[in-house]
Amino acid sequence: MARSFSKPNRLHVMNELNVTPMLDLCFVLLIIFMISTPVLEQTTAVNLPKADKGAGKTPDAKTQYRIVSIDRDGGFSFGQRRVTPAQLEAEFAAIAALPEADQPVVRIRGDGTLSYQKVIDVLSTAKAKGLTKVGFDTETR
């Protein structure tokens, strides 16, 4: 008795598509975008005023900092998020409530084209809340 072997049905083989490599690629892309997105949104666009080289010392790596940015339109950002003046005042109060040894340095990044009064307003708000560790960020010439 002779056996007859039939050819495999090619349509049946084509229906079983292996999606594992495609899923691996999607997960890798998802991880890349999750890591790179916060880096892209990290800072507020501020054209810092210019200072002479060596005007300040290099920041200490052990010191904690909180960044307050003031854009050219006078809008405030605390760290990476936009805040109102009232929210900024609340952030300063929260920092002032910490023990002085644990308080981070507040760094003010004011746009170079900004009115000096806006920077002084932020500084006086920090002073009114009892903050003593405040600095200004500049670019070197």
C-alpha atoms as a PDB file:
ATOM      1  CA  MET A   1       0.000   0.000   0.000  1.00  0.00           C
ATOM      2  CA  ALA A   2       1.454   3.274  -1.065  1.00  0.00           C
ATOM      3  CA  ARG A   3       1.115   6.295   1.087  1.00  0.00           C
ATOM      4  CA  SER A   4       0.319   9.575  -0.425  1.00  0.00           C
ATOM      5  CA  PHE A   5       1.664  12.627   1.280  1.00  0.00           C
ATOM      6  CA  SER A   6      -0.167  15.775   0.593  1.00  0.00           C
ATOM      7  CA  LYS A   7       1.546  19.110   0.392  1.00  0.00           C
ATOM      8  CA  PRO A   8       0.886  21.397   3.375  1.00  0.00           C
ATOM      9  CA  ASN A   9      -1.806  23.925   2.797  1.00  0.00           C
ATOM     10  CA  ARG A  10       0.040  27.184   2.228  1.00  0.00           C
ATOM     11  CA  LEU A  11      -3.022  29.234   3.128  1.00  0.00           C
ATOM     12  CA  HIS A  12      -3.078  27.602   6.509  1.00  0.00           C
ATOM     13  CA  VAL A  13       0.612  28.450   7.118  1.00  0.00           C
ATOM     14  CA  MET A  14       0.106  32.094   6.094  1.00  0.00           C
ATOM     15  CA  ASN A  15      -2.684  32.556   8.640  1.00  0.00           C
ATOM     16  CA  GLU A  16      -0.315  31.855  11.533  1.00  0.00           C
ATOM     17  CA  LEU A  17       1.706  35.078  11.561  1.00  0.00           C
ATOM     18  CA  ASN A  18       4.253  35.356  14.360  1.00  0.00           C
ATOM     19  CA  VAL A  19       3.658  38.739  16.075  1.00  0.00           C
ATOM     20  CA  THR A  20       6.289  38.315  18.809  1.00  0.00           C
ATOM     21  CA  PRO A  21       9.006  40.368  17.038  1.00  0.00           C
ATOM     22  CA  MET A  22       6.496  43.125  16.337  1.00  0.00           C
ATOM     23  CA  LEU A  23       5.429  43.225  20.006  1.00  0.00           C
ATOM     24  CA  ASP A  24       9.084  43.325  21.084  1.00  0.00           C
ATOM     25  CA  LEU A  25       9.662  46.293  18.809  1.00  0.00           C
ATOM     26  CA  CYS A  26       6.585  48.085  20.173  1.00  0.00           C
ATOM     27  CA  PHE A  27       7.736  47.582  23.761  1.00  0.00           C
ATOM     28  CA  VAL A  28      11.225  48.858  22.977  1.00  0.00           C
ATOM     29  CA  LEU A  29       9.806  51.967  21.296  1.00  0.00           C
ATOM     30  CA  LEU A  30       7.461  52.530  24.227  1.00  0.00           C
ATOM     31  CA  ILE A  31      10.368  52.391  26.681  1.00  0.00           C
ATOM     32  CA  ILE A  32      12.452  54.774  24.551  1.00  0.00           C
ATOM     33  CA  PHE A  33       9.632  57.322  24.404  1.00  0.00           C
ATOM     34  CA  MET A  34       8.931  56.981  28.139  1.00  0.00           C
ATOM     35  CA  ILE A  35      12.563  57.777  28.917  1.00  0.00           C
ATOM     36  CA  SER A  36      13.072  60.568  26.385  1.00  0.00           C
ATOM     37  CA  THR A  37       9.825  62.527  26.901  1.00  0.00           C
ATOM     38  CA  PRO A  38      10.640  63.898  30.392  1.00  0.00           C
ATOM     39  CA  VAL A  39      14.073  64.989  29.155  1.00  0.00           C
ATOM     40  CA  LEU A  40      12.492  67.011  26.353  1.00  0.00           C
ATOM     41  CA  GLU A  41      10.089  68.747  28.744  1.00  0.00           C
ATOM     42  CA  GLN A  42      12.627  69.375  31.476  1.00  0.00           C
ATOM     43  CA  THR A  43      13.187  73.100  31.176  1.00  0.00           C
ATOM     44  CA  THR A  44      11.318  76.269  30.411  1.00  0.00           C
ATOM     45  CA  ALA A  45      12.749  78.267  27.512  1.00  0.00           C
ATOM     46  CA  VAL A  46      14.599  81.123  29.190  1.00  0.00           C
ATOM     47  CA  ASN A  47      17.300  83.311  27.651  1.00  0.00           C
ATOM     48  CA  LEU A  48      19.455  83.865  30.712  1.00  0.00           C
ATOM     49  CA  PRO A  49      21.285  87.157  31.204  1.00  0.00           C
ATOM     50  CA  LYS A  50      25.030  87.142  30.582  1.00  0.00           C
ATOM     51  CA  ALA A  51      27.647  87.397  33.336  1.00  0.00           C
ATOM     52  CA  ASP A  52      31.424  87.519  33.295  1.00  0.00           C
ATOM     53  CA  LYS A  53      33.203  84.192  33.397  1.00  0.00           C
ATOM     54  CA  GLY A  54      33.858  83.090  36.958  1.00  0.00           C
ATOM     55  CA  ALA A  55      31.113  85.287  38.403  1.00  0.00           C
ATOM     56  CA  GLY A  56      29.897  82.366  40.512  1.00  0.00           C
ATOM     57  CA  LYS A  57      31.238  79.115  41.809  1.00  0.00           C
ATOM     58  CA  THR A  58      30.390  75.700  40.402  1.00  0.00           C
ATOM     59  CA  PRO A  59      27.278  74.211  42.039  1.00  0.00           C
ATOM     60  CA  ASP A  60      27.936  71.542  44.654  1.00  0.00           C
ATOM     61  CA  ALA A  61      26.686  68.111  43.544  1.00  0.00           C
ATOM     62  CA  LYS A  62      25.449  67.311  47.080  1.00  0.00           C
ATOM     63  CA  THR A  63      23.246  70.397  47.345  1.00  0.00           C
ATOM     64  CA  GLN A  64      19.578  70.130  46.398  1.00  0.00           C
ATOM     65  CA  TYR A  65      18.130  72.801  44.147  1.00  0.00           C
ATOM     66  CA  ARG A  66      14.641  73.991  43.224  1.00  0.00           C
ATOM     67  CA  ILE A  67      14.427  75.973  39.996  1.00  0.00           C
ATOM     68  CA  VAL A  68      12.039  78.907  39.522  1.00  0.00           C
ATOM     69  CA  SER A  69      11.899  80.038  35.893  1.00  0.00           C
ATOM     70  CA  ILE A  70      10.385  83.290  34.689  1.00  0.00           C
ATOM     71  CA  ASP A  71       9.799  83.348  30.938  1.00  0.00           C
ATOM     72  CA  ARG A  72       9.833  86.463  28.768  1.00  0.00           C
ATOM     73  CA  ASP A  73       6.063  86.871  29.194  1.00  0.00           C
ATOM     74  CA  GLY A  74       6.374  86.891  32.994  1.00  0.00           C
ATOM     75  CA  GLY A  75       4.960  83.364  33.496  1.00  0.00           C
ATOM     76  CA  PHE A  76       6.332  81.266  36.351  1.00  0.00           C
ATOM     77  CA  SER A  77       7.494  77.650  36.390  1.00  0.00           C
ATOM     78  CA  PHE A  78       8.506  75.769  39.507  1.00  0.00           C
ATOM     79  CA  GLY A  79      10.683  72.906  38.360  1.00  0.00           C
ATOM     80  CA  GLN A  80       8.970  71.537  35.283  1.00  0.00           C
ATOM     81  CA  ARG A  81       5.420  72.731  35.891  1.00  0.00           C
ATOM     82  CA  ARG A  82       3.748  76.072  35.314  1.00  0.00           C
ATOM     83  CA  VAL A  83       2.502  77.801  38.477  1.00  0.00           C
ATOM     84  CA  THR A  84       0.598  80.917  39.406  1.00  0.00           C
ATOM     85  CA  PRO A  85       2.085  83.479  41.823  1.00  0.00           C
ATOM     86  CA  ALA A  86      -0.105  82.036  44.615  1.00  0.00           C
ATOM     87  CA  GLN A  87       1.133  78.496  43.903  1.00  0.00           C
ATOM     88  CA  LEU A  88       4.722  79.751  43.852  1.00  0.00           C
ATOM     89  CA  GLU A  89       4.190  81.365  47.237  1.00  0.00           C
ATOM     90  CA  ALA A  90       2.791  78.058  48.567  1.00  0.00           C
ATOM     91  CA  GLU A  91       5.866  76.199  47.247  1.00  0.00           C
ATOM     92  CA  PHE A  92       8.133  78.699  49.015  1.00  0.00           C
ATOM     93  CA  ALA A  93       6.150  78.225  52.239  1.00  0.00           C
ATOM     94  CA  ALA A  94       6.559  74.443  51.976  1.00  0.00           C
ATOM     95  CA  ILE A  95      10.326  74.806  51.541  1.00  0.00           C
ATOM     96  CA  ALA A  96      10.536  77.264  54.450  1.00  0.00           C
ATOM     97  CA  ALA A  97       8.696  74.755  56.681  1.00  0.00           C
ATOM     98  CA  LEU A  98      11.604  72.303  56.333  1.00  0.00           C
ATOM     99  CA  PRO A  99      14.485  72.435  58.828  1.00  0.00           C
ATOM    100  CA  GLU A 100      17.062  74.928  57.574  1.00  0.00           C
ATOM    101  CA  ALA A 101      19.706  72.235  57.039  1.00  0.00           C
ATOM    102  CA  ASP A 102      17.311  70.319  54.740  1.00  0.00           C
ATOM    103  CA  GLN A 103      16.121  73.313  52.727  1.00  0.00           C
ATOM    104  CA  PRO A 104      17.132  73.244  49.057  1.00  0.00           C
ATOM    105  CA  VAL A 105      18.649  76.268  47.350  1.00  0.00           C
ATOM    106  CA  VAL A 106      16.080  78.147  45.260  1.00  0.00           C
ATOM    107  CA  ARG A 107      17.590  79.196  41.941  1.00  0.00           C
ATOM    108  CA  ILE A 108      15.851  81.920  39.976  1.00  0.00           C
ATOM    109  CA  ARG A 109      16.171  81.733  36.188  1.00  0.00           C
ATOM    110  CA  GLY A 110      14.818  84.990  34.776  1.00  0.00           C
ATOM    111  CA  ASP A 111      14.766  85.684  31.045  1.00  0.00           C
ATOM    112  CA  GLY A 112      17.354  88.302  30.037  1.00  0.00           C
ATOM    113  CA  THR A 113      14.711  90.487  28.361  1.00  0.00           C
ATOM    114  CA  LEU A 114      12.481  90.398  31.440  1.00  0.00           C
ATOM    115  CA  SER A 115      11.743  93.435  33.567  1.00  0.00           C
ATOM    116  CA  TYR A 116      13.960  93.501  36.638  1.00  0.00           C
ATOM    117  CA  GLN A 117      10.856  94.049  38.778  1.00  0.00           C
ATOM    118  CA  LYS A 118       9.557  90.509  38.039  1.00  0.00           C
ATOM    119  CA  VAL A 119      12.766  88.967  39.357  1.00  0.00           C
ATOM    120  CA  ILE A 120      12.662  91.178  42.458  1.00  0.00           C
ATOM    121  CA  ASP A 121       9.023  90.165  43.050  1.00  0.00           C
ATOM    122  CA  VAL A 122      10.030  86.495  43.156  1.00  0.00           C
ATOM    123  CA  LEU A 123      12.987  87.293  45.405  1.00  0.00           C
ATOM    124  CA  SER A 124      10.855  89.315  47.829  1.00  0.00           C
ATOM    125  CA  THR A 125       8.240  86.521  47.941  1.00  0.00           C
ATOM    126  CA  ALA A 126      10.973  84.038  48.858  1.00  0.00           C
ATOM    127  CA  LYS A 127      12.309  86.421  51.499  1.00  0.00           C
ATOM    128  CA  ALA A 128       8.837  87.000  52.944  1.00  0.00           C
ATOM    129  CA  LYS A 129       8.399  83.243  53.393  1.00  0.00           C
ATOM    130  CA  GLY A 130      11.726  83.025  55.236  1.00  0.00           C
ATOM    131  CA  LEU A 131      13.947  81.503  52.564  1.00  0.00           C
ATOM    132  CA  THR A 132      17.605  82.433  52.854  1.00  0.00           C
ATOM    133  CA  LYS A 133      19.193  80.154  50.241  1.00  0.00           C
ATOM    134  CA  VAL A 134      18.391  81.888  46.956  1.00  0.00           C
ATOM    135  CA  GLY A 135      20.581  82.300  43.887  1.00  0.00           C
ATOM    136  CA  PHE A 136      20.381  83.550  40.305  1.00  0.00           C
ATOM    137  CA  ASP A 137      21.268  81.581  37.189  1.00  0.00           C
ATOM    138  CA  THR A 138      23.167  83.280  34.376  1.00  0.00           C
ATOM    139  CA  GLU A 139      25.105  82.315  31.272  1.00  0.00           C
ATOM    140  CA  THR A 140      28.782  83.109  30.894  1.00  0.00           C
ATOM    141  CA  ARG A 141      29.850  85.595  28.237  1.00  0.00           C
END
